[in-house]
């Protein structure tokens, strides 16, 4: 799981070099749509059980 996070950050960092800001667009999408995978990911990081 940690490897996938690092890999994702590397990909975003490489894409971020271009003229289009990817990180703010991704964060806005996460805030607006609140995908379940993000909620589960945060719970897994902080060690909380799904409820």
PDB file of N, CA and C in Angstrom:
ATOM      1  N   UNK A   1       0.821  -1.187   0.000  1.00  0.00           N
ATOM      2  CA  UNK A   1       0.000   0.000   0.000  1.00  0.00           C
ATOM      3  C   UNK A   1       0.868   1.254   0.000  1.00  0.00           C
ATOM      4  N   UNK A   2       1.913   1.223   0.797  1.00  0.00           N
ATOM      5  CA  UNK A   2       2.802   2.377   0.871  1.00  0.00           C
ATOM      6  C   UNK A   2       3.479   2.610  -0.473  1.00  0.00           C
ATOM      7  N   UNK A   3       3.827   1.524  -1.145  1.00  0.00           N
ATOM      8  CA  UNK A   3       4.468   1.641  -2.462  1.00  0.00           C
ATOM      9  C   UNK A   3       3.533   2.314  -3.459  1.00  0.00           C
ATOM     10  N   UNK A   4       2.254   1.957  -3.429  1.00  0.00           N
ATOM     11  CA  UNK A   4       1.285   2.564  -4.341  1.00  0.00           C
ATOM     12  C   UNK A   4       1.126   4.056  -4.065  1.00  0.00           C
ATOM     13  N   UNK A   5       1.156   4.447  -2.801  1.00  0.00           N
ATOM     14  CA  UNK A   5       1.065   5.868  -2.453  1.00  0.00           C
ATOM     15  C   UNK A   5       2.265   6.631  -2.992  1.00  0.00           C
ATOM     16  N   UNK A   6       3.443   6.076  -2.794  1.00  0.00           N
ATOM     17  CA  UNK A   6       4.652   6.723  -3.290  1.00  0.00           C
ATOM     18  C   UNK A   6       4.640   6.787  -4.809  1.00  0.00           C
ATOM     19  N   UNK A   7       4.229   5.718  -5.440  1.00  0.00           N
ATOM     20  CA  UNK A   7       4.141   5.698  -6.897  1.00  0.00           C
ATOM     21  C   UNK A   7       3.150   6.742  -7.409  1.00  0.00           C
ATOM     22  N   UNK A   8       2.025   6.862  -6.755  1.00  0.00           N
ATOM     23  CA  UNK A   8       1.038   7.875  -7.129  1.00  0.00           C
ATOM     24  C   UNK A   8       1.586   9.286  -6.973  1.00  0.00           C
ATOM     25  N   UNK A   9       2.294   9.537  -5.894  1.00  0.00           N
ATOM     26  CA  UNK A   9       2.895  10.858  -5.685  1.00  0.00           C
ATOM     27  C   UNK A   9       3.960  11.166  -6.730  1.00  0.00           C
ATOM     28  N   UNK A  10       4.734  10.166  -7.116  1.00  0.00           N
ATOM     29  CA  UNK A  10       5.751  10.360  -8.145  1.00  0.00           C
ATOM     30  C   UNK A  10       5.094  10.701  -9.481  1.00  0.00           C
ATOM     31  N   UNK A  11       4.036   9.977  -9.813  1.00  0.00           N
ATOM     32  CA  UNK A  11       3.335  10.240 -11.081  1.00  0.00           C
ATOM     33  C   UNK A  11       2.742  11.642 -11.081  1.00  0.00           C
ATOM     34  N   UNK A  12       2.106  12.042  -9.988  1.00  0.00           N
ATOM     35  CA  UNK A  12       1.531  13.388  -9.900  1.00  0.00           C
ATOM     36  C   UNK A  12       2.637  14.438  -9.982  1.00  0.00           C
ATOM     37  N   UNK A  13       3.771  14.187  -9.351  1.00  0.00           N
ATOM     38  CA  UNK A  13       4.886  15.137  -9.397  1.00  0.00           C
ATOM     39  C   UNK A  13       5.421  15.288 -10.817  1.00  0.00           C
ATOM     40  N   UNK A  14       5.514  14.198 -11.547  1.00  0.00           N
ATOM     41  CA  UNK A  14       6.009  14.264 -12.925  1.00  0.00           C
ATOM     42  C   UNK A  14       5.009  15.009 -13.808  1.00  0.00           C
ATOM     43  N   UNK A  15       3.737  14.722 -13.657  1.00  0.00           N
ATOM     44  CA  UNK A  15       2.714  15.384 -14.463  1.00  0.00           C
ATOM     45  C   UNK A  15       2.611  16.860 -14.091  1.00  0.00           C
ATOM     46  N   UNK A  16       2.872  17.175 -12.841  1.00  0.00           N
ATOM     47  CA  UNK A  16       2.774  18.545 -12.340  1.00  0.00           C
ATOM     48  C   UNK A  16       3.803  19.475 -12.992  1.00  0.00           C
ATOM     49  N   UNK A  17       4.834  18.925 -13.585  1.00  0.00           N
ATOM     50  CA  UNK A  17       5.862  19.726 -14.241  1.00  0.00           C
ATOM     51  C   UNK A  17       5.268  20.483 -15.429  1.00  0.00           C
ATOM     52  N   UNK A  18       4.264  19.913 -16.067  1.00  0.00           N
ATOM     53  CA  UNK A  18       3.620  20.547 -17.220  1.00  0.00           C
ATOM     54  C   UNK A  18       2.853  21.799 -16.818  1.00  0.00           C
ATOM     55  N   UNK A  19       2.236  22.457 -17.777  1.00  0.00           N
ATOM     56  CA  UNK A  19       1.548  23.727 -17.504  1.00  0.00           C
ATOM     57  C   UNK A  19       0.190  23.586 -16.820  1.00  0.00           C
ATOM     58  N   UNK A  20      -0.339  22.366 -16.722  1.00  0.00           N
ATOM     59  CA  UNK A  20      -1.656  22.165 -16.115  1.00  0.00           C
ATOM     60  C   UNK A  20      -1.483  21.707 -14.669  1.00  0.00           C
ATOM     61  N   UNK A  21      -2.022  22.450 -13.706  1.00  0.00           N
ATOM     62  CA  UNK A  21      -1.914  22.027 -12.304  1.00  0.00           C
ATOM     63  C   UNK A  21      -2.851  20.846 -12.019  1.00  0.00           C
ATOM     64  N   UNK A  22      -2.291  19.704 -11.724  1.00  0.00           N
ATOM     65  CA  UNK A  22      -3.070  18.481 -11.511  1.00  0.00           C
ATOM     66  C   UNK A  22      -3.531  18.342 -10.056  1.00  0.00           C
ATOM     67  N   UNK A  23      -2.674  18.678  -9.104  1.00  0.00           N
ATOM     68  CA  UNK A  23      -2.991  18.460  -7.693  1.00  0.00           C
ATOM     69  C   UNK A  23      -4.244  19.204  -7.241  1.00  0.00           C
ATOM     70  N   UNK A  24      -4.378  20.506  -7.525  1.00  0.00           N
ATOM     71  CA  UNK A  24      -5.614  21.180  -7.082  1.00  0.00           C
ATOM     72  C   UNK A  24      -6.870  20.600  -7.731  1.00  0.00           C
ATOM     73  N   UNK A  25      -6.787  20.213  -8.990  1.00  0.00           N
ATOM     74  CA  UNK A  25      -7.939  19.626  -9.667  1.00  0.00           C
ATOM     75  C   UNK A  25      -8.319  18.299  -9.010  1.00  0.00           C
ATOM     76  N   UNK A  26      -7.325  17.473  -8.698  1.00  0.00           N
ATOM     77  CA  UNK A  26      -7.570  16.201  -8.029  1.00  0.00           C
ATOM     78  C   UNK A  26      -8.181  16.406  -6.645  1.00  0.00           C
ATOM     79  N   UNK A  27      -7.669  17.362  -5.899  1.00  0.00           N
ATOM     80  CA  UNK A  27      -8.191  17.619  -4.552  1.00  0.00           C
ATOM     81  C   UNK A  27      -9.612  18.169  -4.592  1.00  0.00           C
ATOM     82  N   UNK A  28      -9.903  19.032  -5.542  1.00  0.00           N
ATOM     83  CA  UNK A  28     -11.260  19.549  -5.682  1.00  0.00           C
ATOM     84  C   UNK A  28     -12.217  18.404  -6.016  1.00  0.00           C
ATOM     85  N   UNK A  29     -11.796  17.504  -6.897  1.00  0.00           N
ATOM     86  CA  UNK A  29     -12.626  16.351  -7.243  1.00  0.00           C
ATOM     87  C   UNK A  29     -12.905  15.495  -6.010  1.00  0.00           C
ATOM     88  N   UNK A  30     -11.886  15.266  -5.184  1.00  0.00           N
ATOM     89  CA  UNK A  30     -12.054  14.457  -3.977  1.00  0.00           C
ATOM     90  C   UNK A  30     -13.006  15.140  -3.007  1.00  0.00           C
ATOM     91  N   UNK A  31     -12.893  16.450  -2.846  1.00  0.00           N
ATOM     92  CA  UNK A  31     -13.774  17.176  -1.919  1.00  0.00           C
ATOM     93  C   UNK A  31     -15.215  17.186  -2.426  1.00  0.00           C
ATOM     94  N   UNK A  32     -15.404  17.388  -3.712  1.00  0.00           N
ATOM     95  CA  UNK A  32     -16.764  17.486  -4.260  1.00  0.00           C
ATOM     96  C   UNK A  32     -17.471  16.135  -4.285  1.00  0.00           C
ATOM     97  N   UNK A  33     -16.794  15.100  -4.750  1.00  0.00           N
ATOM     98  CA  UNK A  33     -17.460  13.804  -4.945  1.00  0.00           C
ATOM     99  C   UNK A  33     -17.291  12.831  -3.788  1.00  0.00           C
ATOM    100  N   UNK A  34     -16.353  13.065  -2.897  1.00  0.00           N
ATOM    101  CA  UNK A  34     -16.090  12.216  -1.734  1.00  0.00           C
ATOM    102  C   UNK A  34     -16.147  10.729  -2.062  1.00  0.00           C
ATOM    103  N   UNK A  35     -15.224  10.239  -2.873  1.00  0.00           N
ATOM    104  CA  UNK A  35     -15.255   8.824  -3.247  1.00  0.00           C
ATOM    105  C   UNK A  35     -15.001   7.915  -2.039  1.00  0.00           C
ATOM    106  N   UNK A  36     -15.666   6.784  -2.031  1.00  0.00           N
ATOM    107  CA  UNK A  36     -15.572   5.852  -0.900  1.00  0.00           C
ATOM    108  C   UNK A  36     -14.153   5.313  -0.740  1.00  0.00           C
ATOM    109  N   UNK A  37     -13.434   5.150  -1.846  1.00  0.00           N
ATOM    110  CA  UNK A  37     -12.069   4.623  -1.740  1.00  0.00           C
ATOM    111  C   UNK A  37     -11.181   5.596  -0.975  1.00  0.00           C
ATOM    112  N   UNK A  38     -11.413   6.888  -1.073  1.00  0.00           N
ATOM    113  CA  UNK A  38     -10.595   7.863  -0.347  1.00  0.00           C
ATOM    114  C   UNK A  38     -10.894   7.790   1.149  1.00  0.00           C
ATOM    115  N   UNK A  39     -12.180   7.667   1.484  1.00  0.00           N
ATOM    116  CA  UNK A  39     -12.577   7.539   2.887  1.00  0.00           C
ATOM    117  C   UNK A  39     -11.961   6.285   3.519  1.00  0.00           C
ATOM    118  N   UNK A  40     -12.002   5.174   2.806  1.00  0.00           N
ATOM    119  CA  UNK A  40     -11.414   3.932   3.307  1.00  0.00           C
ATOM    120  C   UNK A  40      -9.900   4.052   3.437  1.00  0.00           C
ATOM    121  N   UNK A  41      -9.278   4.748   2.481  1.00  0.00           N
ATOM    122  CA  UNK A  41      -7.830   4.951   2.511  1.00  0.00           C
ATOM    123  C   UNK A  41      -7.419   5.759   3.747  1.00  0.00           C
ATOM    124  N   UNK A  42      -8.165   6.821   4.058  1.00  0.00           N
ATOM    125  CA  UNK A  42      -7.866   7.641   5.233  1.00  0.00           C
ATOM    126  C   UNK A  42      -8.076   6.833   6.504  1.00  0.00           C
ATOM    127  N   UNK A  43      -9.147   6.051   6.550  1.00  0.00           N
ATOM    128  CA  UNK A  43      -9.378   5.205   7.722  1.00  0.00           C
ATOM    129  C   UNK A  43      -8.263   4.184   7.898  1.00  0.00           C
ATOM    130  N   UNK A  44      -7.756   3.648   6.804  1.00  0.00           N
ATOM    131  CA  UNK A  44      -6.680   2.672   6.886  1.00  0.00           C
ATOM    132  C   UNK A  44      -5.397   3.326   7.395  1.00  0.00           C
ATOM    133  N   UNK A  45      -5.131   4.546   6.958  1.00  0.00           N
ATOM    134  CA  UNK A  45      -3.929   5.264   7.393  1.00  0.00           C
ATOM    135  C   UNK A  45      -3.988   5.529   8.907  1.00  0.00           C
ATOM    136  N   UNK A  46      -5.146   5.983   9.388  1.00  0.00           N
ATOM    137  CA  UNK A  46      -5.273   6.347  10.798  1.00  0.00           C
ATOM    138  C   UNK A  46      -5.697   5.182  11.675  1.00  0.00           C
ATOM    139  N   UNK A  47      -5.877   3.999  11.102  1.00  0.00           N
ATOM    140  CA  UNK A  47      -6.149   2.805  11.886  1.00  0.00           C
ATOM    141  C   UNK A  47      -7.550   2.716  12.445  1.00  0.00           C
ATOM    142  N   UNK A  48      -8.504   3.366  11.813  1.00  0.00           N
ATOM    143  CA  UNK A  48      -9.885   3.300  12.290  1.00  0.00           C
ATOM    144  C   UNK A  48     -10.628   2.221  11.520  1.00  0.00           C
ATOM    145  N   UNK A  49     -11.619   1.650  12.188  1.00  0.00           N
ATOM    146  CA  UNK A  49     -12.449   0.635  11.559  1.00  0.00           C
ATOM    147  C   UNK A  49     -13.516   1.289  10.714  1.00  0.00           C
ATOM    148  N   UNK A  50     -13.923   0.615   9.627  1.00  0.00           N
ATOM    149  CA  UNK A  50     -15.040   1.106   8.818  1.00  0.00           C
ATOM    150  C   UNK A  50     -16.324   0.956   9.612  1.00  0.00           C
ATOM    151  N   UNK A  51     -17.172   1.960   9.507  1.00  0.00           N
ATOM    152  CA  UNK A  51     -18.455   1.859  10.225  1.00  0.00           C
ATOM    153  C   UNK A  51     -19.605   2.156   9.298  1.00  0.00           C
TER     154      UNK A  51
END
